[in-house]
Amino acid sequence: MNPSEKSSHADVYAGDTSAPRVVDAPDGTIHVFNIEADSEPGTLARIANVLNIANVAPIRVSLESRRDDGTLIIYVELSVRLSVAQAIQRKLAQLTEVIHVDMSV
């Protein structure tokens, strides 16, 4: 591992200034994101842009539109390290269209 891989990085422009966790899940761990968002044009594209941080294709994506309250429910599975998953969760929560985001392993 070279020195740059050992250093911690934070995206200060996105308000990502929290201290990184010491224990990180190994590569290949599947993290599940449940996202509730406003049903607006471009919402899925904005969420997909945040997921691009992982630089891997999602294992599974499911989108459901709730007609009664006008929200989208998006389910995403990504195989990434815990630190990457936490960064994605924080960035998703900062999107104005996102109402709520949960992450689990």
C-alpha atoms as a PDB file:
ATOM      1  CA  MET A   1       0.000   0.000   0.000  1.00  0.00           C
ATOM      2  CA  ASN A   2       1.485   3.342  -0.958  1.00  0.00           C
ATOM      3  CA  PRO A   3       1.337   6.356   1.423  1.00  0.00           C
ATOM      4  CA  SER A   4      -1.524   8.031  -0.484  1.00  0.00           C
ATOM      5  CA  GLU A   5      -3.760   4.986   0.091  1.00  0.00           C
ATOM      6  CA  LYS A   6      -3.129   5.185   3.855  1.00  0.00           C
ATOM      7  CA  SER A   7      -4.153   8.811   4.183  1.00  0.00           C
ATOM      8  CA  SER A   8      -7.690   9.853   5.053  1.00  0.00           C
ATOM      9  CA  HIS A   9      -9.543  12.080   2.650  1.00  0.00           C
ATOM     10  CA  ALA A  10     -12.551  14.319   3.176  1.00  0.00           C
ATOM     11  CA  ASP A  11     -14.609  16.197   0.639  1.00  0.00           C
ATOM     12  CA  VAL A  12     -14.734  19.563   2.400  1.00  0.00           C
ATOM     13  CA  TYR A  13     -16.787  21.098  -0.419  1.00  0.00           C
ATOM     14  CA  ALA A  14     -19.622  18.698   0.382  1.00  0.00           C
ATOM     15  CA  GLY A  15     -19.381  19.321   4.118  1.00  0.00           C
ATOM     16  CA  ASP A  16     -17.668  15.950   4.563  1.00  0.00           C
ATOM     17  CA  THR A  17     -15.523  16.986   7.506  1.00  0.00           C
ATOM     18  CA  SER A  18     -16.337  14.166   9.916  1.00  0.00           C
ATOM     19  CA  ALA A  19     -13.472  12.022  11.141  1.00  0.00           C
ATOM     20  CA  PRO A  20     -13.070   8.808   9.169  1.00  0.00           C
ATOM     21  CA  ARG A  21     -13.701   5.593  11.061  1.00  0.00           C
ATOM     22  CA  VAL A  22     -10.741   3.457  11.991  1.00  0.00           C
ATOM     23  CA  VAL A  23     -12.408   0.117  11.239  1.00  0.00           C
ATOM     24  CA  ASP A  24     -13.419  -0.292   7.622  1.00  0.00           C
ATOM     25  CA  ALA A  25     -15.257  -3.163   5.997  1.00  0.00           C
ATOM     26  CA  PRO A  26     -13.217  -5.095   3.454  1.00  0.00           C
ATOM     27  CA  ASP A  27     -13.786  -4.658  -0.254  1.00  0.00           C
ATOM     28  CA  GLY A  28     -16.720  -6.675  -1.495  1.00  0.00           C
ATOM     29  CA  THR A  29     -19.078  -5.885   1.374  1.00  0.00           C
ATOM     30  CA  ILE A  30     -22.535  -5.123   0.030  1.00  0.00           C
ATOM     31  CA  HIS A  31     -24.067  -1.934   1.406  1.00  0.00           C
ATOM     32  CA  VAL A  32     -27.767  -1.323   0.900  1.00  0.00           C
ATOM     33  CA  PHE A  33     -29.141   2.197   0.520  1.00  0.00           C
ATOM     34  CA  ASN A  34     -32.851   2.911   0.940  1.00  0.00           C
ATOM     35  CA  ILE A  35     -33.550   6.385  -0.382  1.00  0.00           C
ATOM     36  CA  GLU A  36     -36.806   8.328  -0.190  1.00  0.00           C
ATOM     37  CA  ALA A  37     -36.869  11.348  -2.481  1.00  0.00           C
ATOM     38  CA  ASP A  38     -39.201  13.844  -4.130  1.00  0.00           C
ATOM     39  CA  SER A  39     -40.495  12.679  -7.480  1.00  0.00           C
ATOM     40  CA  GLU A  40     -39.008  15.412  -9.663  1.00  0.00           C
ATOM     41  CA  PRO A  41     -37.402  15.358 -13.101  1.00  0.00           C
ATOM     42  CA  GLY A  42     -33.702  14.772 -12.626  1.00  0.00           C
ATOM     43  CA  THR A  43     -33.913  13.231  -9.157  1.00  0.00           C
ATOM     44  CA  LEU A  44     -32.713   9.821 -10.285  1.00  0.00           C
ATOM     45  CA  ALA A  45     -29.880  11.391 -12.293  1.00  0.00           C
ATOM     46  CA  ARG A  46     -28.700  13.420  -9.288  1.00  0.00           C
ATOM     47  CA  ILE A  47     -28.753  10.344  -7.067  1.00  0.00           C
ATOM     48  CA  ALA A  48     -26.904   8.308  -9.718  1.00  0.00           C
ATOM     49  CA  ASN A  49     -24.269  11.043  -9.903  1.00  0.00           C
ATOM     50  CA  VAL A  50     -23.593  10.690  -6.167  1.00  0.00           C
ATOM     51  CA  LEU A  51     -23.384   6.901  -6.504  1.00  0.00           C
ATOM     52  CA  ASN A  52     -20.690   7.430  -9.131  1.00  0.00           C
ATOM     53  CA  ILE A  53     -18.276   8.259  -6.265  1.00  0.00           C
ATOM     54  CA  ALA A  54     -17.890   4.517  -5.723  1.00  0.00           C
ATOM     55  CA  ASN A  55     -16.611   4.073  -9.290  1.00  0.00           C
ATOM     56  CA  VAL A  56     -18.414   0.717  -9.486  1.00  0.00           C
ATOM     57  CA  ALA A  57     -21.734  -0.248 -11.003  1.00  0.00           C
ATOM     58  CA  PRO A  58     -24.508  -0.969  -8.492  1.00  0.00           C
ATOM     59  CA  ILE A  59     -25.321  -4.639  -7.995  1.00  0.00           C
ATOM     60  CA  ARG A  60     -29.035  -3.856  -7.912  1.00  0.00           C
ATOM     61  CA  VAL A  61     -31.216  -0.770  -8.260  1.00  0.00           C
ATOM     62  CA  SER A  62     -34.968  -0.637  -7.776  1.00  0.00           C
ATOM     63  CA  LEU A  63     -37.178   2.425  -8.149  1.00  0.00           C
ATOM     64  CA  GLU A  64     -40.786   2.723  -7.042  1.00  0.00           C
ATOM     65  CA  SER A  65     -42.973   5.772  -7.492  1.00  0.00           C
ATOM     66  CA  ARG A  66     -45.603   6.356  -4.828  1.00  0.00           C
ATOM     67  CA  ARG A  67     -48.534   8.040  -6.487  1.00  0.00           C
ATOM     68  CA  ASP A  68     -50.310   8.895  -3.242  1.00  0.00           C
ATOM     69  CA  ASP A  69     -47.592  11.202  -1.859  1.00  0.00           C
ATOM     70  CA  GLY A  70     -45.433  11.894  -4.943  1.00  0.00           C
ATOM     71  CA  THR A  71     -42.225  10.349  -3.646  1.00  0.00           C
ATOM     72  CA  LEU A  72     -39.707   7.920  -5.062  1.00  0.00           C
ATOM     73  CA  ILE A  73     -38.374   4.943  -3.139  1.00  0.00           C
ATOM     74  CA  ILE A  74     -34.980   3.892  -4.478  1.00  0.00           C
ATOM     75  CA  TYR A  75     -33.179   0.750  -3.327  1.00  0.00           C
ATOM     76  CA  VAL A  76     -29.489   0.450  -4.240  1.00  0.00           C
ATOM     77  CA  GLU A  77     -26.922  -2.268  -3.503  1.00  0.00           C
ATOM     78  CA  LEU A  78     -23.239  -1.344  -3.845  1.00  0.00           C
ATOM     79  CA  SER A  79     -20.160  -3.443  -3.133  1.00  0.00           C
ATOM     80  CA  VAL A  80     -17.839  -0.874  -1.506  1.00  0.00           C
ATOM     81  CA  ARG A  81     -15.772  -0.237   1.619  1.00  0.00           C
ATOM     82  CA  LEU A  82     -17.569   1.180   4.657  1.00  0.00           C
ATOM     83  CA  SER A  83     -15.825   4.565   4.388  1.00  0.00           C
ATOM     84  CA  VAL A  84     -16.996   4.950   0.768  1.00  0.00           C
ATOM     85  CA  ALA A  85     -20.540   3.904   1.699  1.00  0.00           C
ATOM     86  CA  GLN A  86     -20.626   6.442   4.546  1.00  0.00           C
ATOM     87  CA  ALA A  87     -19.411   9.216   2.236  1.00  0.00           C
ATOM     88  CA  ILE A  88     -22.115   8.305  -0.289  1.00  0.00           C
ATOM     89  CA  GLN A  89     -24.775   8.320   2.431  1.00  0.00           C
ATOM     90  CA  ARG A  90     -23.711  11.797   3.617  1.00  0.00           C
ATOM     91  CA  LYS A  91     -23.697  13.179   0.071  1.00  0.00           C
ATOM     92  CA  LEU A  92     -27.114  11.656  -0.691  1.00  0.00           C
ATOM     93  CA  ALA A  93     -28.544  13.248   2.449  1.00  0.00           C
ATOM     94  CA  GLN A  94     -27.315  16.655   1.219  1.00  0.00           C
ATOM     95  CA  LEU A  95     -29.345  16.509  -2.008  1.00  0.00           C
ATOM     96  CA  THR A  96     -32.382  18.780  -1.785  1.00  0.00           C
ATOM     97  CA  GLU A  97     -34.636  16.136  -3.376  1.00  0.00           C
ATOM     98  CA  VAL A  98     -33.704  13.451  -0.837  1.00  0.00           C
ATOM     99  CA  ILE A  99     -36.114  13.224   2.073  1.00  0.00           C
ATOM    100  CA  HIS A 100     -34.411  10.363   3.900  1.00  0.00           C
ATOM    101  CA  VAL A 101     -31.571   7.886   3.299  1.00  0.00           C
ATOM    102  CA  ASP A 102     -30.750   4.740   5.283  1.00  0.00           C
ATOM    103  CA  MET A 103     -27.741   2.515   4.820  1.00  0.00           C
ATOM    104  CA  SER A 104     -27.257  -1.036   6.055  1.00  0.00           C
ATOM    105  CA  VAL A 105     -24.867  -3.935   5.447  1.00  0.00           C
END
